[in-house]
Amino acid sequence: MASKPWKQQQQQQQQQSDSANRTSDEEEGIEEENNSLAIVPTSDPLAQPPPPPTHPPPPPRGEVVSAQRVREEEVESKISAWETEELAKIDSRFKRQDAIISGWEADQIEKASAWLKKIEVHICVCAFMDMISSHTIAFS
């Protein structure tokens, strides 16, 4: 006998829970139906979506406008930060390339200078040798 009131109590709780869930499901269903951004297949395949608005809605008043302005400022600051970061990357890449080119240029100048110095020494030695050989012939 003690088990019957317990079962009745359990059934009543189940019914209350079911009715509460049903009510909350119905409320959620209403919210989903009113949500124009929800991607939910419609039960009517011939139903057409409402036409898009031809002009943007007027801006909300009061606190929402300031929230919208704050959002715009956030977006602007993110854009500015992105631009600054991209410019820094480009500047860094330019400086690396400039350092590579300057190094290559200095290396080429050094090689050319060494080659000219070698040629100069060779010319001087040859001229000296010619000078010596011409003097020795004249004295002999």
N, C-alpha and C. Protein backbone atom coordinates (compact mmCIF):
# COMPACT_ATOMS: atom_id res chain seq x y z
N MET A 1 0.81 -1.19 0.00
CA MET A 1 0.00 0.00 0.00
C MET A 1 0.85 1.26 0.00
N ALA A 2 2.01 1.17 0.63
CA ALA A 2 2.88 2.33 0.70
C ALA A 2 3.44 2.66 -0.68
N SER A 3 3.52 1.65 -1.54
CA SER A 3 4.09 1.88 -2.86
C SER A 3 3.13 2.63 -3.77
N LYS A 4 1.84 2.50 -3.58
CA LYS A 4 0.88 3.18 -4.44
C LYS A 4 0.94 4.69 -4.29
N PRO A 5 0.96 5.26 -3.08
CA PRO A 5 1.08 6.72 -3.00
C PRO A 5 2.40 7.20 -3.60
N TRP A 6 3.42 6.40 -3.44
CA TRP A 6 4.71 6.79 -4.01
C TRP A 6 4.63 6.83 -5.52
N LYS A 7 3.97 5.83 -6.13
CA LYS A 7 3.80 5.80 -7.59
C LYS A 7 2.94 6.96 -8.05
N GLN A 8 1.89 7.26 -7.29
CA GLN A 8 1.02 8.37 -7.65
C GLN A 8 1.80 9.68 -7.59
N GLN A 9 2.59 9.81 -6.54
CA GLN A 9 3.40 11.02 -6.40
C GLN A 9 4.39 11.14 -7.56
N GLN A 10 4.99 10.01 -7.93
CA GLN A 10 5.96 10.00 -9.03
C GLN A 10 5.26 10.35 -10.35
N GLN A 11 4.03 9.82 -10.55
CA GLN A 11 3.29 10.12 -11.77
C GLN A 11 2.91 11.59 -11.83
N GLN A 12 2.52 12.15 -10.68
CA GLN A 12 2.16 13.57 -10.64
C GLN A 12 3.37 14.44 -10.98
N GLN A 13 4.52 14.07 -10.42
CA GLN A 13 5.74 14.83 -10.72
C GLN A 13 6.09 14.72 -12.20
N GLN A 14 5.91 13.52 -12.77
CA GLN A 14 6.19 13.32 -14.19
C GLN A 14 5.26 14.16 -15.04
N GLN A 15 3.97 14.21 -14.65
CA GLN A 15 3.00 15.00 -15.41
C GLN A 15 3.33 16.49 -15.32
N GLN A 16 3.71 16.94 -14.11
CA GLN A 16 4.08 18.35 -13.94
C GLN A 16 5.32 18.67 -14.77
N SER A 17 6.26 17.77 -14.75
CA SER A 17 7.49 17.97 -15.52
C SER A 17 7.18 18.00 -17.01
N ASP A 18 6.32 17.07 -17.47
CA ASP A 18 5.94 17.04 -18.88
C ASP A 18 5.22 18.31 -19.29
N SER A 19 4.30 18.77 -18.44
CA SER A 19 3.57 19.99 -18.79
C SER A 19 4.50 21.20 -18.78
N ALA A 20 5.44 21.23 -17.86
CA ALA A 20 6.41 22.34 -17.82
C ALA A 20 7.30 22.29 -19.06
N ASN A 21 7.76 21.09 -19.44
CA ASN A 21 8.58 20.95 -20.64
C ASN A 21 7.79 21.34 -21.88
N ARG A 22 6.53 20.92 -21.92
CA ARG A 22 5.69 21.25 -23.06
C ARG A 22 5.52 22.75 -23.18
N THR A 23 5.31 23.40 -22.03
CA THR A 23 5.13 24.85 -22.03
C THR A 23 6.42 25.54 -22.49
N SER A 24 7.56 25.08 -21.98
CA SER A 24 8.81 25.71 -22.38
C SER A 24 9.11 25.41 -23.84
N ASP A 25 8.76 24.20 -24.32
CA ASP A 25 8.96 23.87 -25.72
C ASP A 25 8.08 24.76 -26.60
N GLU A 26 6.85 24.98 -26.16
CA GLU A 26 5.95 25.83 -26.92
C GLU A 26 6.49 27.26 -26.97
N GLU A 27 7.01 27.74 -25.83
CA GLU A 27 7.57 29.09 -25.80
C GLU A 27 8.78 29.18 -26.72
N GLU A 28 9.62 28.15 -26.68
CA GLU A 28 10.79 28.14 -27.55
C GLU A 28 10.36 28.08 -29.01
N GLY A 29 9.31 27.32 -29.29
CA GLY A 29 8.80 27.23 -30.65
C GLY A 29 8.34 28.59 -31.14
N ILE A 30 7.70 29.34 -30.28
CA ILE A 30 7.26 30.68 -30.65
C ILE A 30 8.46 31.56 -30.92
N GLU A 31 9.48 31.43 -30.08
CA GLU A 31 10.68 32.24 -30.28
C GLU A 31 11.36 31.86 -31.59
N GLU A 32 11.40 30.57 -31.90
CA GLU A 32 12.05 30.16 -33.13
C GLU A 32 11.27 30.65 -34.34
N GLU A 33 9.94 30.66 -34.25
CA GLU A 33 9.14 31.12 -35.36
C GLU A 33 9.33 32.61 -35.59
N ASN A 34 9.54 33.37 -34.53
CA ASN A 34 9.71 34.81 -34.64
C ASN A 34 11.12 35.20 -35.02
N ASN A 35 12.06 34.28 -34.89
CA ASN A 35 13.45 34.59 -35.19
C ASN A 35 13.66 34.55 -36.71
N SER A 36 13.79 35.70 -37.32
CA SER A 36 13.94 35.77 -38.77
C SER A 36 15.32 35.30 -39.24
N LEU A 37 16.29 35.24 -38.33
CA LEU A 37 17.64 34.82 -38.70
C LEU A 37 17.85 33.33 -38.56
N ALA A 38 16.87 32.61 -37.98
CA ALA A 38 17.02 31.18 -37.78
C ALA A 38 16.94 30.46 -39.12
N ILE A 39 17.82 29.49 -39.30
CA ILE A 39 17.80 28.69 -40.52
C ILE A 39 17.08 27.40 -40.16
N VAL A 40 15.79 27.39 -40.41
CA VAL A 40 14.96 26.26 -40.07
C VAL A 40 14.11 25.93 -41.29
N PRO A 41 14.08 24.68 -41.71
CA PRO A 41 13.24 24.36 -42.86
C PRO A 41 11.77 24.55 -42.50
N THR A 42 11.03 25.12 -43.43
CA THR A 42 9.61 25.35 -43.18
C THR A 42 8.84 24.08 -43.51
N SER A 43 7.68 23.94 -42.90
CA SER A 43 6.85 22.77 -43.17
C SER A 43 6.15 22.92 -44.52
N ASP A 44 5.95 24.14 -44.99
CA ASP A 44 5.28 24.39 -46.25
C ASP A 44 6.35 24.60 -47.33
N PRO A 45 6.51 23.64 -48.26
CA PRO A 45 7.57 23.79 -49.26
C PRO A 45 7.30 24.91 -50.26
N LEU A 46 6.04 25.35 -50.38
CA LEU A 46 5.72 26.40 -51.33
C LEU A 46 5.84 27.79 -50.72
N ALA A 47 6.05 27.85 -49.41
CA ALA A 47 6.15 29.15 -48.75
C ALA A 47 7.41 29.86 -49.23
N GLN A 48 7.26 31.11 -49.56
CA GLN A 48 8.39 31.90 -50.02
C GLN A 48 8.84 32.81 -48.88
N PRO A 49 10.15 33.04 -48.80
CA PRO A 49 10.63 33.93 -47.74
C PRO A 49 10.14 35.35 -48.01
N PRO A 50 10.01 36.13 -46.97
CA PRO A 50 9.58 37.51 -47.16
C PRO A 50 10.62 38.28 -47.96
N PRO A 51 10.20 39.24 -48.77
CA PRO A 51 11.17 39.99 -49.56
C PRO A 51 12.09 40.80 -48.65
N PRO A 52 13.35 40.97 -49.07
CA PRO A 52 14.27 41.75 -48.25
C PRO A 52 13.82 43.20 -48.18
N PRO A 53 14.13 43.88 -47.09
CA PRO A 53 13.74 45.28 -46.97
C PRO A 53 14.46 46.12 -48.03
N THR A 54 13.76 47.12 -48.54
CA THR A 54 14.33 47.95 -49.59
C THR A 54 15.26 49.02 -49.04
N HIS A 55 15.11 49.37 -47.80
CA HIS A 55 15.96 50.37 -47.18
C HIS A 55 16.29 49.92 -45.77
N PRO A 56 17.42 50.33 -45.25
CA PRO A 56 17.78 49.90 -43.90
C PRO A 56 16.81 50.49 -42.88
N PRO A 57 16.57 49.74 -41.82
CA PRO A 57 15.68 50.27 -40.79
C PRO A 57 16.31 51.47 -40.10
N PRO A 58 15.50 52.37 -39.57
CA PRO A 58 16.07 53.52 -38.89
C PRO A 58 16.87 53.08 -37.67
N PRO A 59 17.91 53.81 -37.33
CA PRO A 59 18.74 53.41 -36.18
C PRO A 59 17.92 53.46 -34.90
N PRO A 60 18.14 52.49 -34.03
CA PRO A 60 17.43 52.50 -32.75
C PRO A 60 17.82 53.72 -31.93
N ARG A 61 16.97 54.05 -31.01
CA ARG A 61 17.18 55.25 -30.21
C ARG A 61 17.77 54.91 -28.85
N GLY A 62 18.34 55.92 -28.24
CA GLY A 62 18.79 55.80 -26.84
C GLY A 62 20.08 55.03 -26.71
N GLU A 63 20.10 54.10 -25.80
CA GLU A 63 21.30 53.37 -25.43
C GLU A 63 21.81 52.48 -26.56
N VAL A 64 20.93 51.96 -27.38
CA VAL A 64 21.33 51.08 -28.46
C VAL A 64 22.19 51.83 -29.47
N VAL A 65 21.90 53.10 -29.72
CA VAL A 65 22.70 53.90 -30.64
C VAL A 65 24.11 54.00 -30.13
N SER A 66 24.26 54.23 -28.84
CA SER A 66 25.61 54.32 -28.30
C SER A 66 26.30 52.96 -28.38
N ALA A 67 25.54 51.88 -28.21
CA ALA A 67 26.12 50.54 -28.34
C ALA A 67 26.54 50.32 -29.78
N GLN A 68 25.74 50.80 -30.71
CA GLN A 68 26.08 50.69 -32.12
C GLN A 68 27.33 51.52 -32.43
N ARG A 69 27.40 52.69 -31.86
CA ARG A 69 28.56 53.54 -32.06
C ARG A 69 29.80 52.88 -31.47
N VAL A 70 29.65 52.26 -30.29
CA VAL A 70 30.78 51.56 -29.67
C VAL A 70 31.23 50.42 -30.57
N ARG A 71 30.27 49.70 -31.13
CA ARG A 71 30.61 48.60 -32.03
C ARG A 71 31.35 49.12 -33.26
N GLU A 72 30.89 50.24 -33.81
CA GLU A 72 31.57 50.83 -34.96
C GLU A 72 33.00 51.24 -34.59
N GLU A 73 33.16 51.79 -33.40
CA GLU A 73 34.49 52.20 -32.96
C GLU A 73 35.39 50.99 -32.78
N GLU A 74 34.81 49.89 -32.25
CA GLU A 74 35.59 48.66 -32.11
C GLU A 74 36.06 48.16 -33.48
N VAL A 75 35.15 48.17 -34.43
CA VAL A 75 35.50 47.71 -35.77
C VAL A 75 36.57 48.62 -36.36
N GLU A 76 36.39 49.93 -36.21
CA GLU A 76 37.39 50.87 -36.74
C GLU A 76 38.75 50.65 -36.09
N SER A 77 38.76 50.42 -34.77
CA SER A 77 40.05 50.21 -34.09
C SER A 77 40.69 48.90 -34.54
N LYS A 78 39.86 47.86 -34.77
CA LYS A 78 40.41 46.60 -35.28
C LYS A 78 40.97 46.78 -36.68
N ILE A 79 40.27 47.55 -37.50
CA ILE A 79 40.76 47.82 -38.86
C ILE A 79 42.08 48.58 -38.79
N SER A 80 42.13 49.57 -37.93
CA SER A 80 43.35 50.37 -37.78
C SER A 80 44.51 49.50 -37.29
N ALA A 81 44.22 48.63 -36.32
CA ALA A 81 45.27 47.74 -35.80
C ALA A 81 45.75 46.79 -36.89
N TRP A 82 44.82 46.27 -37.70
CA TRP A 82 45.19 45.38 -38.79
C TRP A 82 46.06 46.11 -39.80
N GLU A 83 45.66 47.34 -40.16
CA GLU A 83 46.45 48.11 -41.12
C GLU A 83 47.85 48.37 -40.58
N THR A 84 47.93 48.74 -39.31
CA THR A 84 49.24 49.01 -38.69
C THR A 84 50.10 47.75 -38.71
N GLU A 85 49.49 46.61 -38.39
CA GLU A 85 50.23 45.34 -38.39
C GLU A 85 50.70 44.99 -39.79
N GLU A 86 49.84 45.16 -40.78
CA GLU A 86 50.23 44.86 -42.15
C GLU A 86 51.35 45.78 -42.62
N LEU A 87 51.26 47.08 -42.29
CA LEU A 87 52.32 48.01 -42.66
C LEU A 87 53.63 47.64 -41.98
N ALA A 88 53.55 47.19 -40.73
CA ALA A 88 54.77 46.77 -40.03
C ALA A 88 55.39 45.55 -40.70
N LYS A 89 54.53 44.60 -41.13
CA LYS A 89 55.04 43.42 -41.84
C LYS A 89 55.71 43.82 -43.14
N ILE A 90 55.07 44.72 -43.88
CA ILE A 90 55.63 45.16 -45.17
C ILE A 90 56.94 45.89 -44.94
N ASP A 91 56.98 46.75 -43.92
CA ASP A 91 58.20 47.50 -43.60
C ASP A 91 59.32 46.55 -43.21
N SER A 92 58.98 45.54 -42.41
CA SER A 92 59.98 44.56 -41.99
C SER A 92 60.52 43.79 -43.19
N ARG A 93 59.60 43.37 -44.08
CA ARG A 93 60.02 42.65 -45.29
C ARG A 93 60.91 43.53 -46.15
N PHE A 94 60.55 44.82 -46.29
CA PHE A 94 61.35 45.75 -47.07
C PHE A 94 62.75 45.89 -46.48
N LYS A 95 62.82 46.04 -45.15
CA LYS A 95 64.13 46.20 -44.51
C LYS A 95 64.99 44.95 -44.68
N ARG A 96 64.37 43.75 -44.59
CA ARG A 96 65.14 42.52 -44.81
C ARG A 96 65.68 42.46 -46.23
N GLN A 97 64.82 42.77 -47.20
CA GLN A 97 65.25 42.76 -48.60
C GLN A 97 66.34 43.80 -48.84
N ASP A 98 66.18 44.98 -48.25
CA ASP A 98 67.18 46.03 -48.39
C ASP A 98 68.52 45.59 -47.81
N ALA A 99 68.48 44.90 -46.64
CA ALA A 99 69.73 44.41 -46.04
C ALA A 99 70.38 43.36 -46.93
N ILE A 100 69.57 42.49 -47.52
CA ILE A 100 70.11 41.46 -48.42
C ILE A 100 70.74 42.11 -49.64
N ILE A 101 70.05 43.07 -50.23
CA ILE A 101 70.57 43.75 -51.42
C ILE A 101 71.83 44.54 -51.08
N SER A 102 71.81 45.25 -49.96
CA SER A 102 72.99 46.02 -49.56
C SER A 102 74.19 45.11 -49.33
N GLY A 103 73.95 43.97 -48.71
CA GLY A 103 75.03 43.01 -48.48
C GLY A 103 75.59 42.48 -49.79
N TRP A 104 74.69 42.14 -50.71
CA TRP A 104 75.12 41.66 -52.02
C TRP A 104 75.90 42.74 -52.76
N GLU A 105 75.40 43.97 -52.69
CA GLU A 105 76.08 45.09 -53.35
C GLU A 105 77.48 45.31 -52.77
N ALA A 106 77.60 45.28 -51.45
CA ALA A 106 78.90 45.46 -50.81
C ALA A 106 79.84 44.32 -51.21
N ASP A 107 79.33 43.10 -51.30
CA ASP A 107 80.14 41.96 -51.70
C ASP A 107 80.63 42.12 -53.14
N GLN A 108 79.75 42.59 -54.03
CA GLN A 108 80.14 42.80 -55.42
C GLN A 108 81.18 43.90 -55.54
N ILE A 109 81.01 44.96 -54.76
CA ILE A 109 81.99 46.06 -54.77
C ILE A 109 83.34 45.56 -54.28
N GLU A 110 83.31 44.73 -53.23
CA GLU A 110 84.56 44.20 -52.69
C GLU A 110 85.26 43.29 -53.71
N LYS A 111 84.47 42.45 -54.39
CA LYS A 111 85.06 41.56 -55.40
C LYS A 111 85.64 42.37 -56.57
N ALA A 112 84.89 43.38 -57.01
CA ALA A 112 85.36 44.20 -58.13
C ALA A 112 86.62 44.96 -57.74
N SER A 113 86.63 45.49 -56.51
CA SER A 113 87.82 46.21 -56.04
C SER A 113 89.02 45.30 -55.96
N ALA A 114 88.82 44.08 -55.46
CA ALA A 114 89.93 43.12 -55.37
C ALA A 114 90.43 42.75 -56.77
N TRP A 115 89.50 42.56 -57.71
CA TRP A 115 89.89 42.23 -59.07
C TRP A 115 90.67 43.38 -59.70
N LEU A 116 90.19 44.64 -59.51
CA LEU A 116 90.91 45.80 -60.04
C LEU A 116 92.29 45.93 -59.42
N LYS A 117 92.38 45.69 -58.14
CA LYS A 117 93.68 45.78 -57.46
C LYS A 117 94.63 44.74 -58.03
N LYS A 118 94.11 43.54 -58.27
CA LYS A 118 94.94 42.47 -58.84
C LYS A 118 95.43 42.85 -60.24
N ILE A 119 94.52 43.40 -61.04
CA ILE A 119 94.88 43.84 -62.40
C ILE A 119 95.91 44.97 -62.32
N GLU A 120 95.68 45.88 -61.40
CA GLU A 120 96.60 47.01 -61.24
C GLU A 120 97.99 46.52 -60.87
N VAL A 121 98.04 45.59 -59.93
CA VAL A 121 99.34 45.04 -59.53
C VAL A 121 99.98 44.32 -60.72
N HIS A 122 99.19 43.56 -61.45
CA HIS A 122 99.71 42.84 -62.61
C HIS A 122 100.26 43.81 -63.66
N ILE A 123 99.52 44.90 -63.90
CA ILE A 123 99.98 45.91 -64.86
C ILE A 123 101.27 46.57 -64.37
N CYS A 124 101.31 46.88 -63.10
CA CYS A 124 102.51 47.51 -62.54
C CYS A 124 103.72 46.58 -62.64
N VAL A 125 103.48 45.32 -62.33
CA VAL A 125 104.58 44.35 -62.41
C VAL A 125 105.04 44.21 -63.85
N CYS A 126 104.10 44.12 -64.76
CA CYS A 126 104.47 43.99 -66.19
C CYS A 126 105.21 45.24 -66.67
N ALA A 127 104.74 46.40 -66.26
CA ALA A 127 105.40 47.63 -66.68
C ALA A 127 106.80 47.69 -66.08
N PHE A 128 106.92 47.29 -64.84
CA PHE A 128 108.21 47.28 -64.20
C PHE A 128 109.15 46.31 -64.91
N MET A 129 108.60 45.14 -65.25
CA MET A 129 109.42 44.15 -65.93
C MET A 129 109.85 44.66 -67.32
N ASP A 130 108.93 45.33 -68.00
CA ASP A 130 109.27 45.90 -69.30
C ASP A 130 110.34 46.98 -69.15
N MET A 131 110.18 47.76 -68.11
CA MET A 131 111.15 48.82 -67.88
C MET A 131 112.53 48.23 -67.58
N ILE A 132 112.55 47.23 -66.76
CA ILE A 132 113.83 46.60 -66.42
C ILE A 132 114.44 45.93 -67.65
N SER A 133 113.64 45.24 -68.39
CA SER A 133 114.18 44.55 -69.57
C SER A 133 114.66 45.54 -70.63
N SER A 134 114.00 46.67 -70.76
CA SER A 134 114.46 47.66 -71.74
C SER A 134 115.76 48.31 -71.27
N HIS A 135 115.93 48.51 -69.98
CA HIS A 135 117.16 49.09 -69.46
C HIS A 135 118.30 48.11 -69.55
N THR A 136 118.06 46.90 -69.33
CA THR A 136 119.14 45.91 -69.38
C THR A 136 119.62 45.71 -70.81
N ILE A 137 118.76 45.81 -71.75
CA ILE A 137 119.13 45.65 -73.14
C ILE A 137 120.00 46.86 -73.56
N ALA A 138 119.60 48.04 -73.10
CA ALA A 138 120.33 49.23 -73.48
C ALA A 138 121.73 49.22 -72.88
N PHE A 139 121.90 48.69 -71.72
CA PHE A 139 123.21 48.66 -71.08
C PHE A 139 124.07 47.52 -71.61
N SER A 140 123.50 46.55 -72.18
CA SER A 140 124.31 45.43 -72.58
C SER A 140 125.07 45.66 -73.83
